[in-house]
Amino acid sequence: MLFEKILVPLDGSEHSTRALEKAVQIAKKIDGKITLIHVYLVSQSAITPMQVSRYVQAIRKQGEIVLAEGEKRANGEGVQVEKLLIMGHAVEEILKTARKGNFSLVVIGARGMSKIKELLMGSVSDGVTKHAPCPVLVVR
């Protein structure tokens, strides 16, 4: 079936929320399955191991909240989801997950939380769109 496995990266931004809404609409129409993914990056710049540990716990907790909110939205529409919380570089981890999971579609927001990061590193949606092993729907 076309687009039966849909991967939806979430970062808590308005664009990623709209991407989830679009993915839910698609999944409902075709009885597809959605996997939500949140990727976080730990940068260790001149902080102690204890501070790193607290920082990692805090960003993991935020990622869990983002995923739980996404799951609640999808479940409210009758769509079941799987959740993935992964540490690493967002583009690399989204692409790796899309490949390994044999996803048939990635639905991603056009912009994420950090506008400065997008300018410096190139946007996550651009990176995913250019290198994905399946179609990508970019939602504005």
Protein backbone atom coordinates (compact mmCIF):
# COMPACT_ATOMS: atom_id res chain seq x y z
CA MET A 1 0.00 0.00 0.00
CA LEU A 2 1.21 3.49 -0.80
CA PHE A 3 2.52 5.43 2.23
CA GLU A 4 1.58 2.80 4.78
CA LYS A 5 4.57 3.63 7.02
CA ILE A 6 4.92 7.35 7.75
CA LEU A 7 7.84 8.88 9.65
CA VAL A 8 7.15 12.25 11.31
CA PRO A 9 10.05 14.19 12.88
CA LEU A 10 8.83 16.41 15.74
CA ASP A 11 10.72 19.21 17.46
CA GLY A 12 7.88 21.06 19.18
CA SER A 13 7.67 23.78 16.51
CA GLU A 14 4.46 24.95 14.88
CA HIS A 15 5.66 23.56 11.54
CA SER A 16 6.26 20.08 12.98
CA THR A 17 2.79 20.16 14.58
CA ARG A 18 1.27 20.96 11.19
CA ALA A 19 3.32 18.14 9.65
CA LEU A 20 1.88 15.74 12.22
CA GLU A 21 -1.65 16.92 11.43
CA LYS A 22 -1.08 16.25 7.71
CA ALA A 23 0.46 12.83 8.44
CA VAL A 24 -2.55 11.92 10.60
CA GLN A 25 -4.91 12.89 7.75
CA ILE A 26 -2.97 10.68 5.34
CA ALA A 27 -2.75 7.76 7.80
CA LYS A 28 -6.49 7.87 8.50
CA LYS A 29 -7.35 7.71 4.80
CA ILE A 30 -5.13 4.74 4.03
CA ASP A 31 -4.99 3.00 7.42
CA GLY A 32 -1.30 3.85 7.63
CA LYS A 33 1.02 3.70 10.61
CA ILE A 34 2.92 6.70 11.99
CA THR A 35 6.27 6.73 13.77
CA LEU A 36 7.14 9.95 15.58
CA ILE A 37 10.84 10.75 15.95
CA HIS A 38 12.53 13.41 18.07
CA VAL A 39 16.30 13.79 17.71
CA TYR A 40 18.33 15.72 20.25
CA LEU A 41 21.97 16.72 20.15
CA VAL A 42 24.25 17.02 23.17
CA SER A 43 27.01 19.56 22.81
CA GLN A 44 29.68 19.43 25.48
CA SER A 45 31.29 22.82 25.62
CA ALA A 46 33.31 23.51 28.78
CA ILE A 47 30.85 22.00 31.23
CA THR A 48 31.38 19.40 33.93
CA PRO A 49 30.24 15.77 33.60
CA MET A 50 27.52 16.45 36.21
CA GLN A 51 26.25 19.41 34.18
CA VAL A 52 26.29 17.26 31.02
CA SER A 53 24.22 14.62 32.82
CA ARG A 54 21.63 17.18 33.97
CA TYR A 55 21.56 18.75 30.51
CA VAL A 56 21.00 15.38 28.82
CA GLN A 57 18.20 14.56 31.28
CA ALA A 58 16.54 17.91 30.62
CA ILE A 59 16.66 17.67 26.81
CA ARG A 60 15.52 14.03 26.88
CA LYS A 61 12.59 15.05 29.09
CA GLN A 62 11.68 17.83 26.63
CA GLY A 63 11.84 15.32 23.78
CA GLU A 64 9.58 12.93 25.70
CA ILE A 65 7.08 15.77 26.17
CA VAL A 66 7.15 16.64 22.44
CA LEU A 67 6.58 12.99 21.51
CA ALA A 68 3.81 12.53 24.12
CA GLU A 69 1.97 15.59 22.80
CA GLY A 70 2.28 14.26 19.25
CA GLU A 71 1.04 10.83 20.33
CA LYS A 72 -1.94 12.41 22.10
CA ARG A 73 -2.89 14.38 18.95
CA ALA A 74 -2.64 11.32 16.71
CA ASN A 75 -4.46 9.03 19.15
CA GLY A 76 -7.23 11.65 19.40
CA GLU A 77 -7.80 11.12 15.67
CA GLY A 78 -7.75 7.34 16.02
CA VAL A 79 -4.22 6.88 14.66
CA GLN A 80 -1.78 4.76 16.65
CA VAL A 81 1.86 5.79 16.74
CA GLU A 82 5.25 4.49 17.67
CA LYS A 83 7.71 6.92 19.31
CA LEU A 84 11.49 7.19 18.91
CA LEU A 85 13.73 9.43 21.03
CA ILE A 86 17.24 9.44 19.58
CA MET A 87 20.45 11.30 20.36
CA GLY A 88 22.44 12.50 17.36
CA HIS A 89 22.43 14.84 14.39
CA ALA A 90 18.81 15.36 13.28
CA VAL A 91 19.25 14.88 9.51
CA GLU A 92 21.48 11.81 9.87
CA GLU A 93 19.23 10.10 12.41
CA ILE A 94 16.01 10.83 10.51
CA LEU A 95 17.57 9.46 7.29
CA LYS A 96 18.98 6.40 9.06
CA THR A 97 15.57 5.68 10.63
CA ALA A 98 13.77 6.16 7.31
CA ARG A 99 16.13 3.67 5.63
CA LYS A 100 16.22 1.03 8.37
CA GLY A 101 12.47 1.18 8.96
CA ASN A 102 11.61 1.00 5.25
CA PHE A 103 9.33 4.01 5.58
CA SER A 104 7.24 4.89 2.54
CA LEU A 105 6.87 8.60 3.40
CA VAL A 106 8.46 11.27 5.62
CA VAL A 107 6.22 14.19 6.60
CA ILE A 108 8.31 17.04 8.00
CA GLY A 109 7.78 20.68 8.94
CA ALA A 110 9.39 23.30 6.70
CA ARG A 111 11.08 25.03 9.63
CA GLY A 112 12.13 23.88 13.05
CA MET A 113 12.61 25.55 16.39
CA SER A 114 15.97 27.17 15.73
CA LYS A 115 16.19 29.69 12.92
CA ILE A 116 19.86 30.45 13.70
CA LYS A 117 20.79 26.77 13.57
CA GLU A 118 19.07 26.47 10.18
CA LEU A 119 21.12 29.34 8.80
CA LEU A 120 24.39 27.87 10.05
CA MET A 121 23.85 24.19 9.29
CA GLY A 122 21.20 24.17 6.59
CA SER A 123 17.69 23.21 7.52
CA VAL A 124 16.78 19.73 8.63
CA SER A 125 13.95 19.60 6.11
CA ASP A 126 16.35 20.45 3.27
CA GLY A 127 18.80 17.74 4.32
CA VAL A 128 16.07 15.14 4.67
CA THR A 129 14.46 16.12 1.36
CA LYS A 130 17.74 15.87 -0.55
CA HIS A 131 18.81 12.49 0.82
CA ALA A 132 15.68 10.56 1.86
CA PRO A 133 15.19 7.04 0.52
CA CYS A 134 11.46 7.71 0.07
CA PRO A 135 9.14 10.60 -0.81
CA VAL A 136 9.15 13.59 1.58
CA LEU A 137 6.20 15.88 2.17
CA VAL A 138 7.35 19.25 3.53
CA VAL A 139 4.55 21.05 5.38
CA ARG A 140 4.56 24.84 5.81
